[in-house]
Amino acid sequence: MLGYILAAAWRGTSPSPEEPALSSTVGGLMSDTLVALLVFGVPFTLGVLLTKPRQEDLYLRLPKNWLLTFALGAAWSIVLRLAIMVPAALVAGVVIFLNPQDGLNQFAASRPKIENLLSPTALANPVYALVCMTWLSFIVAGLREELWRAAVIRGICTLGGGFMSERKLECLAVFVSSLLFGLAHLTQGWLGVLLTSLLGLGLGLIQILRRSIPEAVLAHGFFDASTFFLIFLLQQKDLLARMGINSDLMKQVFPR
């Protein structure tokens, strides 16, 4: 699992791609994401077969009340959003304060480059946006990445057994996994690494404190889905015009 994510981080050190990592068509997106699931599924399955973890080792306890779990997942996603917005706002404020004339453009240039993952303009297609807000958010990102996180946390705790208490090991594992998670998003720039590291830290804490991977998966899924929904709205130029919002200003944030 460490090798899997380090390979993603290594790919992120290459020059920014001319095309997004994910296809701009619905069929291409499904194909790309199925390949991503396969690339993850092979080493994960081998790891499970070799180590034979218990259900509770990977926080796979199924909830008794799924409705409550969905509500908690949505609530956690809001908490995570607020926790990430604060440092992002501080960075933006510092950049603009140091350079009042061109600070906004500087911040826009350093923002997480989501266009290296997928084309924001592709999200103008309601079907494409729906796939991103469901399949991509909850399965490809949410379930896949939270299973990876749980496996890394458990692996570090197993390797470090006897050196410190189980809870301290889990906290250390969450910190290490969040850094690796951030580095895997290096294609989105260093601000993207910082913000996704903070997101990973929050998701890891949900796993070890709540002992529940479903809550973390749902929190992750709702977080990503709300991001895609926002970008979808920003691509609706007619709607923005009726609301009196200048769509040209949006290009500074989502240039493609």
C-alpha atoms as a PDB file:
ATOM      1  CA  MET A   1       0.000   0.000   0.000  1.00  0.00           C
ATOM      2  CA  LEU A   2       2.907   2.363   0.684  1.00  0.00           C
ATOM      3  CA  GLY A   3       4.380   1.515  -2.704  1.00  0.00           C
ATOM      4  CA  TYR A   4       1.026   2.137  -4.364  1.00  0.00           C
ATOM      5  CA  ILE A   5       0.727   5.684  -3.064  1.00  0.00           C
ATOM      6  CA  LEU A   6       4.438   6.505  -3.462  1.00  0.00           C
ATOM      7  CA  ALA A   7       4.141   5.584  -7.137  1.00  0.00           C
ATOM      8  CA  ALA A   8       1.333   8.127  -7.450  1.00  0.00           C
ATOM      9  CA  ALA A   9       3.500  10.733  -5.708  1.00  0.00           C
ATOM     10  CA  TRP A  10       6.400   9.979  -8.041  1.00  0.00           C
ATOM     11  CA  ARG A  11       4.165  10.462 -11.066  1.00  0.00           C
ATOM     12  CA  GLY A  12       3.244  13.837  -9.641  1.00  0.00           C
ATOM     13  CA  THR A  13       6.834  15.062  -9.930  1.00  0.00           C
ATOM     14  CA  SER A  14       6.654  14.945 -13.736  1.00  0.00           C
ATOM     15  CA  PRO A  15       5.848  18.159 -15.617  1.00  0.00           C
ATOM     16  CA  SER A  16       2.212  19.239 -15.568  1.00  0.00           C
ATOM     17  CA  PRO A  17       0.293  17.139 -18.099  1.00  0.00           C
ATOM     18  CA  GLU A  18      -1.071  18.752 -21.228  1.00  0.00           C
ATOM     19  CA  GLU A  19      -4.286  16.774 -20.768  1.00  0.00           C
ATOM     20  CA  PRO A  20      -6.170  15.925 -17.548  1.00  0.00           C
ATOM     21  CA  ALA A  21      -5.547  12.509 -16.014  1.00  0.00           C
ATOM     22  CA  LEU A  22      -9.216  11.590 -16.430  1.00  0.00           C
ATOM     23  CA  SER A  23     -11.095  11.607 -19.718  1.00  0.00           C
ATOM     24  CA  SER A  24     -13.561  14.403 -20.483  1.00  0.00           C
ATOM     25  CA  THR A  25     -16.215  11.962 -21.752  1.00  0.00           C
ATOM     26  CA  VAL A  26     -18.492   9.819 -19.605  1.00  0.00           C
ATOM     27  CA  GLY A  27     -17.342   6.579 -21.269  1.00  0.00           C
ATOM     28  CA  GLY A  28     -13.690   7.537 -20.979  1.00  0.00           C
ATOM     29  CA  LEU A  29     -14.146   8.531 -17.341  1.00  0.00           C
ATOM     30  CA  MET A  30     -15.685   5.160 -16.507  1.00  0.00           C
ATOM     31  CA  SER A  31     -12.850   3.380 -18.294  1.00  0.00           C
ATOM     32  CA  ASP A  32     -10.169   5.421 -16.514  1.00  0.00           C
ATOM     33  CA  THR A  33     -11.697   4.906 -13.091  1.00  0.00           C
ATOM     34  CA  LEU A  34     -12.179   1.159 -13.577  1.00  0.00           C
ATOM     35  CA  VAL A  35      -8.486   0.887 -14.403  1.00  0.00           C
ATOM     36  CA  ALA A  36      -7.680   2.911 -11.265  1.00  0.00           C
ATOM     37  CA  LEU A  37      -9.773   0.528  -9.155  1.00  0.00           C
ATOM     38  CA  LEU A  38      -8.014  -2.456 -10.698  1.00  0.00           C
ATOM     39  CA  VAL A  39      -4.559  -0.981 -10.087  1.00  0.00           C
ATOM     40  CA  PHE A  40      -5.504  -0.488  -6.441  1.00  0.00           C
ATOM     41  CA  GLY A  41      -7.449  -3.700  -6.036  1.00  0.00           C
ATOM     42  CA  VAL A  42      -4.617  -6.067  -6.995  1.00  0.00           C
ATOM     43  CA  PRO A  43      -2.070  -5.023  -4.320  1.00  0.00           C
ATOM     44  CA  PHE A  44      -4.823  -4.495  -1.750  1.00  0.00           C
ATOM     45  CA  THR A  45      -6.233  -7.987  -2.316  1.00  0.00           C
ATOM     46  CA  LEU A  46      -2.760  -9.520  -2.143  1.00  0.00           C
ATOM     47  CA  GLY A  47      -2.123  -7.666   1.110  1.00  0.00           C
ATOM     48  CA  VAL A  48      -5.380  -8.947   2.604  1.00  0.00           C
ATOM     49  CA  LEU A  49      -4.646 -12.517   1.524  1.00  0.00           C
ATOM     50  CA  LEU A  50      -1.150 -12.397   2.964  1.00  0.00           C
ATOM     51  CA  THR A  51      -1.932 -10.699   6.283  1.00  0.00           C
ATOM     52  CA  LYS A  52      -5.503 -11.908   6.858  1.00  0.00           C
ATOM     53  CA  PRO A  53      -6.640  -8.855   8.863  1.00  0.00           C
ATOM     54  CA  ARG A  54      -9.667  -9.016  11.088  1.00  0.00           C
ATOM     55  CA  GLN A  55     -12.697  -6.929  10.197  1.00  0.00           C
ATOM     56  CA  GLU A  56     -12.011  -4.517  13.052  1.00  0.00           C
ATOM     57  CA  ASP A  57      -8.382  -4.108  11.933  1.00  0.00           C
ATOM     58  CA  LEU A  58      -9.607  -2.145   8.922  1.00  0.00           C
ATOM     59  CA  TYR A  59     -12.475  -0.458  10.805  1.00  0.00           C
ATOM     60  CA  LEU A  60     -14.943  -2.413   8.663  1.00  0.00           C
ATOM     61  CA  ARG A  61     -17.602  -2.591  11.374  1.00  0.00           C
ATOM     62  CA  LEU A  62     -20.899  -2.113   9.573  1.00  0.00           C
ATOM     63  CA  PRO A  63     -23.254   0.418  11.174  1.00  0.00           C
ATOM     64  CA  LYS A  64     -26.530  -0.642  12.722  1.00  0.00           C
ATOM     65  CA  ASN A  65     -28.205   2.571  11.584  1.00  0.00           C
ATOM     66  CA  TRP A  66     -27.231   3.482   8.019  1.00  0.00           C
ATOM     67  CA  LEU A  67     -29.376   6.623   8.029  1.00  0.00           C
ATOM     68  CA  LEU A  68     -27.469   7.968  11.028  1.00  0.00           C
ATOM     69  CA  THR A  69     -24.172   6.991   9.394  1.00  0.00           C
ATOM     70  CA  PHE A  70     -25.083   8.895   6.221  1.00  0.00           C
ATOM     71  CA  ALA A  71     -25.997  11.931   8.327  1.00  0.00           C
ATOM     72  CA  LEU A  72     -22.730  11.720  10.247  1.00  0.00           C
ATOM     73  CA  GLY A  73     -20.772  11.339   7.008  1.00  0.00           C
ATOM     74  CA  ALA A  74     -22.388  14.476   5.607  1.00  0.00           C
ATOM     75  CA  ALA A  75     -21.742  16.356   8.857  1.00  0.00           C
ATOM     76  CA  TRP A  76     -18.079  15.284   8.918  1.00  0.00           C
ATOM     77  CA  SER A  77     -17.676  16.504   5.333  1.00  0.00           C
ATOM     78  CA  ILE A  78     -18.880  19.965   6.396  1.00  0.00           C
ATOM     79  CA  VAL A  79     -16.464  19.989   9.339  1.00  0.00           C
ATOM     80  CA  LEU A  80     -13.610  18.984   7.022  1.00  0.00           C
ATOM     81  CA  ARG A  81     -14.581  21.663   4.528  1.00  0.00           C
ATOM     82  CA  LEU A  82     -14.470  24.354   7.200  1.00  0.00           C
ATOM     83  CA  ALA A  83     -11.187  23.038   8.596  1.00  0.00           C
ATOM     84  CA  ILE A  84      -9.574  23.257   5.162  1.00  0.00           C
ATOM     85  CA  MET A  85     -11.102  26.605   4.214  1.00  0.00           C
ATOM     86  CA  VAL A  86      -9.470  28.346   7.192  1.00  0.00           C
ATOM     87  CA  PRO A  87      -5.808  27.682   6.215  1.00  0.00           C
ATOM     88  CA  ALA A  88      -6.656  28.288   2.537  1.00  0.00           C
ATOM     89  CA  ALA A  89      -8.194  31.648   3.447  1.00  0.00           C
ATOM     90  CA  LEU A  90      -5.140  32.500   5.554  1.00  0.00           C
ATOM     91  CA  VAL A  91      -2.808  31.718   2.662  1.00  0.00           C
ATOM     92  CA  ALA A  92      -4.935  33.821   0.308  1.00  0.00           C
ATOM     93  CA  GLY A  93      -5.040  36.662   2.819  1.00  0.00           C
ATOM     94  CA  VAL A  94      -1.264  36.662   3.273  1.00  0.00           C
ATOM     95  CA  VAL A  95      -0.608  36.594  -0.480  1.00  0.00           C
ATOM     96  CA  ILE A  96      -3.048  39.440  -1.139  1.00  0.00           C
ATOM     97  CA  PHE A  97      -1.728  41.467   1.823  1.00  0.00           C
ATOM     98  CA  LEU A  98       1.862  41.167   0.625  1.00  0.00           C
ATOM     99  CA  ASN A  99       0.914  42.089  -2.923  1.00  0.00           C
ATOM    100  CA  PRO A 100      -2.346  44.087  -3.025  1.00  0.00           C
ATOM    101  CA  GLN A 101      -1.979  44.809  -6.728  1.00  0.00           C
ATOM    102  CA  ASP A 102      -1.541  41.284  -8.018  1.00  0.00           C
ATOM    103  CA  GLY A 103      -2.172  39.082  -4.971  1.00  0.00           C
ATOM    104  CA  LEU A 104      -5.404  37.563  -6.297  1.00  0.00           C
ATOM    105  CA  ASN A 105      -3.708  36.496  -9.520  1.00  0.00           C
ATOM    106  CA  GLN A 106      -0.801  35.028  -7.539  1.00  0.00           C
ATOM    107  CA  PHE A 107      -3.159  33.017  -5.367  1.00  0.00           C
ATOM    108  CA  ALA A 108      -5.092  31.841  -8.428  1.00  0.00           C
ATOM    109  CA  ALA A 109      -1.794  30.687  -9.943  1.00  0.00           C
ATOM    110  CA  SER A 110      -0.915  28.664  -6.823  1.00  0.00           C
ATOM    111  CA  ARG A 111      -4.381  27.187  -6.227  1.00  0.00           C
ATOM    112  CA  PRO A 112      -4.887  23.404  -6.414  1.00  0.00           C
ATOM    113  CA  LYS A 113      -4.841  22.566 -10.126  1.00  0.00           C
ATOM    114  CA  ILE A 114      -7.920  20.420 -10.430  1.00  0.00           C
ATOM    115  CA  GLU A 115      -7.655  20.739 -14.217  1.00  0.00           C
ATOM    116  CA  ASN A 116      -4.708  18.295 -14.034  1.00  0.00           C
ATOM    117  CA  LEU A 117      -7.167  15.701 -12.718  1.00  0.00           C
ATOM    118  CA  LEU A 118     -10.138  16.455 -14.956  1.00  0.00           C
ATOM    119  CA  SER A 119     -11.355  19.263 -17.153  1.00  0.00           C
ATOM    120  CA  PRO A 120     -13.682  21.588 -15.205  1.00  0.00           C
ATOM    121  CA  THR A 121     -15.536  22.422 -18.409  1.00  0.00           C
ATOM    122  CA  ALA A 122     -16.426  18.731 -18.791  1.00  0.00           C
ATOM    123  CA  LEU A 123     -18.466  19.142 -15.597  1.00  0.00           C
ATOM    124  CA  ALA A 124     -20.830  21.418 -17.523  1.00  0.00           C
ATOM    125  CA  ASN A 125     -22.307  18.144 -18.835  1.00  0.00           C
ATOM    126  CA  PRO A 126     -24.936  17.111 -16.236  1.00  0.00           C
ATOM    127  CA  VAL A 127     -24.370  13.383 -16.862  1.00  0.00           C
ATOM    128  CA  TYR A 128     -20.606  13.720 -16.491  1.00  0.00           C
ATOM    129  CA  ALA A 129     -21.129  15.799 -13.334  1.00  0.00           C
ATOM    130  CA  LEU A 130     -23.510  13.183 -11.910  1.00  0.00           C
ATOM    131  CA  VAL A 131     -20.950  10.410 -12.484  1.00  0.00           C
ATOM    132  CA  CYS A 132     -18.320  12.525 -10.716  1.00  0.00           C
ATOM    133  CA  MET A 133     -20.642  13.276  -7.796  1.00  0.00           C
ATOM    134  CA  THR A 134     -21.565   9.601  -7.298  1.00  0.00           C
ATOM    135  CA  TRP A 135     -19.264   6.948  -8.748  1.00  0.00           C
ATOM    136  CA  LEU A 136     -16.052   9.019  -8.696  1.00  0.00           C
ATOM    137  CA  SER A 137     -16.664  10.675  -5.323  1.00  0.00           C
ATOM    138  CA  PHE A 138     -17.950   7.764  -3.241  1.00  0.00           C
ATOM    139  CA  ILE A 139     -16.395   4.665  -4.842  1.00  0.00           C
ATOM    140  CA  VAL A 140     -13.254   5.597  -6.756  1.00  0.00           C
ATOM    141  CA  ALA A 141     -12.149   8.258  -4.279  1.00  0.00           C
ATOM    142  CA  GLY A 142     -14.074   7.575  -1.087  1.00  0.00           C
ATOM    143  CA  LEU A 143     -14.027   3.784  -0.782  1.00  0.00           C
ATOM    144  CA  ARG A 144     -10.711   3.152  -2.562  1.00  0.00           C
ATOM    145  CA  GLU A 145      -8.728   5.811  -0.727  1.00  0.00           C
ATOM    146  CA  GLU A 146     -10.212   5.077   2.698  1.00  0.00           C
ATOM    147  CA  LEU A 147      -9.437   1.359   2.308  1.00  0.00           C
ATOM    148  CA  TRP A 148      -5.878   2.384   1.448  1.00  0.00           C
ATOM    149  CA  ARG A 149      -5.726   4.641   4.510  1.00  0.00           C
ATOM    150  CA  ALA A 150      -7.059   1.919   6.817  1.00  0.00           C
ATOM    151  CA  ALA A 151      -4.514  -0.576   5.450  1.00  0.00           C
ATOM    152  CA  VAL A 152      -1.601   1.837   5.950  1.00  0.00           C
ATOM    153  CA  ILE A 153      -2.733   2.737   9.472  1.00  0.00           C
ATOM    154  CA  ARG A 154      -3.013  -0.929  10.393  1.00  0.00           C
ATOM    155  CA  GLY A 155       0.327  -1.761   8.746  1.00  0.00           C
ATOM    156  CA  ILE A 156       2.194   0.959  10.648  1.00  0.00           C
ATOM    157  CA  CYS A 157       0.528  -0.066  13.908  1.00  0.00           C
ATOM    158  CA  THR A 158       1.537  -3.688  13.335  1.00  0.00           C
ATOM    159  CA  LEU A 159       5.139  -2.844  12.455  1.00  0.00           C
ATOM    160  CA  GLY A 160       5.459  -0.457  15.396  1.00  0.00           C
ATOM    161  CA  GLY A 161       3.842  -2.749  17.947  1.00  0.00           C
ATOM    162  CA  GLY A 162       5.695  -2.650  21.287  1.00  0.00           C
ATOM    163  CA  PHE A 163       7.331   0.730  20.694  1.00  0.00           C
ATOM    164  CA  MET A 164       4.394   2.790  21.952  1.00  0.00           C
ATOM    165  CA  SER A 165       0.733   2.475  22.856  1.00  0.00           C
ATOM    166  CA  GLU A 166      -1.824   1.468  20.236  1.00  0.00           C
ATOM    167  CA  ARG A 167      -3.501   4.904  20.282  1.00  0.00           C
ATOM    168  CA  LYS A 168      -0.189   6.748  19.823  1.00  0.00           C
ATOM    169  CA  LEU A 169       0.722   4.421  16.973  1.00  0.00           C
ATOM    170  CA  GLU A 170      -2.616   5.084  15.315  1.00  0.00           C
ATOM    171  CA  CYS A 171      -2.123   8.850  15.594  1.00  0.00           C
ATOM    172  CA  LEU A 172       1.369   8.518  14.115  1.00  0.00           C
ATOM    173  CA  ALA A 173       0.004   6.347  11.325  1.00  0.00           C
ATOM    174  CA  VAL A 174      -2.723   8.897  10.548  1.00  0.00           C
ATOM    175  CA  PHE A 175      -0.088  11.643  10.309  1.00  0.00           C
ATOM    176  CA  VAL A 176       2.191   9.594   8.041  1.00  0.00           C
ATOM    177  CA  SER A 177      -0.678   8.429   5.827  1.00  0.00           C
ATOM    178  CA  SER A 178      -1.997  11.996   5.481  1.00  0.00           C
ATOM    179  CA  LEU A 179       1.411  13.228   4.277  1.00  0.00           C
ATOM    180  CA  LEU A 180       1.611  10.411   1.736  1.00  0.00           C
ATOM    181  CA  PHE A 181      -1.979  11.102   0.689  1.00  0.00           C
ATOM    182  CA  GLY A 182      -1.072  14.734   0.094  1.00  0.00           C
ATOM    183  CA  LEU A 183       2.032  13.861  -1.932  1.00  0.00           C
ATOM    184  CA  ALA A 184      -0.087  11.640  -4.166  1.00  0.00           C
ATOM    185  CA  HIS A 185      -1.838  14.860  -5.263  1.00  0.00           C
ATOM    186  CA  LEU A 186       1.390  16.576  -6.271  1.00  0.00           C
ATOM    187  CA  THR A 187       0.071  17.113  -9.794  1.00  0.00           C
ATOM    188  CA  GLN A 188      -2.298  19.680  -8.263  1.00  0.00           C
ATOM    189  CA  GLY A 189       0.584  21.788  -6.932  1.00  0.00           C
ATOM    190  CA  TRP A 190       1.996  22.299  -3.440  1.00  0.00           C
ATOM    191  CA  LEU A 191      -1.103  24.063  -2.145  1.00  0.00           C
ATOM    192  CA  GLY A 192      -3.059  21.031  -3.327  1.00  0.00           C
ATOM    193  CA  VAL A 193      -0.638  18.806  -1.385  1.00  0.00           C
ATOM    194  CA  LEU A 194      -1.160  20.884   1.765  1.00  0.00           C
ATOM    195  CA  LEU A 195      -4.947  20.895   1.529  1.00  0.00           C
ATOM    196  CA  THR A 196      -5.266  17.189   0.692  1.00  0.00           C
ATOM    197  CA  SER A 197      -2.874  16.362   3.539  1.00  0.00           C
ATOM    198  CA  LEU A 198      -5.200  18.224   5.899  1.00  0.00           C
ATOM    199  CA  LEU A 199      -8.159  16.369   4.391  1.00  0.00           C
ATOM    200  CA  GLY A 200      -6.352  13.051   4.858  1.00  0.00           C
ATOM    201  CA  LEU A 201      -5.568  13.950   8.457  1.00  0.00           C
ATOM    202  CA  GLY A 202      -9.230  14.587   9.166  1.00  0.00           C
ATOM    203  CA  LEU A 203     -10.380  11.409   7.427  1.00  0.00           C
ATOM    204  CA  GLY A 204      -7.791   9.341   9.274  1.00  0.00           C
ATOM    205  CA  LEU A 205      -8.925  10.752  12.607  1.00  0.00           C
ATOM    206  CA  ILE A 206     -12.502   9.809  11.763  1.00  0.00           C
ATOM    207  CA  GLN A 207     -11.372   6.227  11.193  1.00  0.00           C
ATOM    208  CA  ILE A 208      -9.421   5.813  14.434  1.00  0.00           C
ATOM    209  CA  LEU A 209     -11.777   7.806  16.668  1.00  0.00           C
ATOM    210  CA  ARG A 210     -15.041   6.471  15.294  1.00  0.00           C
ATOM    211  CA  ARG A 211     -13.620   2.995  14.459  1.00  0.00           C
ATOM    212  CA  SER A 212     -15.757   3.160  11.329  1.00  0.00           C
ATOM    213  CA  ILE A 213     -14.619   3.175   7.740  1.00  0.00           C
ATOM    214  CA  PRO A 214     -18.186   3.762   6.421  1.00  0.00           C
ATOM    215  CA  GLU A 215     -18.283   7.192   8.094  1.00  0.00           C
ATOM    216  CA  ALA A 216     -14.898   8.107   6.607  1.00  0.00           C
ATOM    217  CA  VAL A 217     -15.925   6.868   3.151  1.00  0.00           C
ATOM    218  CA  LEU A 218     -19.141   8.893   3.255  1.00  0.00           C
ATOM    219  CA  ALA A 219     -17.363  11.992   4.596  1.00  0.00           C
ATOM    220  CA  HIS A 220     -14.822  11.705   1.790  1.00  0.00           C
ATOM    221  CA  GLY A 221     -17.530  11.114  -0.789  1.00  0.00           C
ATOM    222  CA  PHE A 222     -19.695  14.043   0.308  1.00  0.00           C
ATOM    223  CA  PHE A 223     -16.631  16.306   0.395  1.00  0.00           C
ATOM    224  CA  ASP A 224     -15.647  15.449  -3.184  1.00  0.00           C
ATOM    225  CA  ALA A 225     -19.241  15.455  -4.437  1.00  0.00           C
ATOM    226  CA  SER A 226     -19.838  18.965  -3.085  1.00  0.00           C
ATOM    227  CA  THR A 227     -16.638  20.137  -4.811  1.00  0.00           C
ATOM    228  CA  PHE A 228     -17.754  18.707  -8.146  1.00  0.00           C
ATOM    229  CA  PHE A 229     -21.223  20.188  -7.668  1.00  0.00           C
ATOM    230  CA  LEU A 230     -19.717  23.640  -7.073  1.00  0.00           C
ATOM    231  CA  ILE A 231     -17.614  23.377 -10.233  1.00  0.00           C
ATOM    232  CA  PHE A 232     -20.689  22.200 -12.142  1.00  0.00           C
ATOM    233  CA  LEU A 233     -22.557  25.312 -11.008  1.00  0.00           C
ATOM    234  CA  LEU A 234     -19.648  27.549 -11.974  1.00  0.00           C
ATOM    235  CA  GLN A 235     -19.813  26.162 -15.512  1.00  0.00           C
ATOM    236  CA  GLN A 236     -23.451  27.216 -15.913  1.00  0.00           C
ATOM    237  CA  LYS A 237     -22.725  30.618 -17.458  1.00  0.00           C
ATOM    238  CA  ASP A 238     -26.352  31.480 -18.208  1.00  0.00           C
ATOM    239  CA  LEU A 239     -27.338  30.788 -14.610  1.00  0.00           C
ATOM    240  CA  LEU A 240     -24.400  32.823 -13.315  1.00  0.00           C
ATOM    241  CA  ALA A 241     -25.325  35.719 -15.589  1.00  0.00           C
ATOM    242  CA  ARG A 242     -28.910  35.706 -14.277  1.00  0.00           C
ATOM    243  CA  MET A 243     -27.492  35.813 -10.741  1.00  0.00           C
ATOM    244  CA  GLY A 244     -25.311  38.780 -11.672  1.00  0.00           C
ATOM    245  CA  ILE A 245     -22.037  36.850 -11.328  1.00  0.00           C
ATOM    246  CA  ASN A 246     -19.253  37.627 -13.773  1.00  0.00           C
ATOM    247  CA  SER A 247     -18.277  34.294 -15.361  1.00  0.00           C
ATOM    248  CA  ASP A 248     -14.980  35.802 -16.554  1.00  0.00           C
ATOM    249  CA  LEU A 249     -13.912  36.087 -12.925  1.00  0.00           C
ATOM    250  CA  MET A 250     -14.494  32.360 -12.527  1.00  0.00           C
ATOM    251  CA  LYS A 251     -11.882  31.686 -15.196  1.00  0.00           C
ATOM    252  CA  GLN A 252      -9.231  32.870 -12.765  1.00  0.00           C
ATOM    253  CA  VAL A 253     -10.207  29.987 -10.516  1.00  0.00           C
ATOM    254  CA  PHE A 254     -11.119  27.338 -13.104  1.00  0.00           C
ATOM    255  CA  PRO A 255      -9.301  28.339 -16.323  1.00  0.00           C
ATOM    256  CA  ARG A 256     -10.402  25.374 -18.430  1.00  0.00           C
END
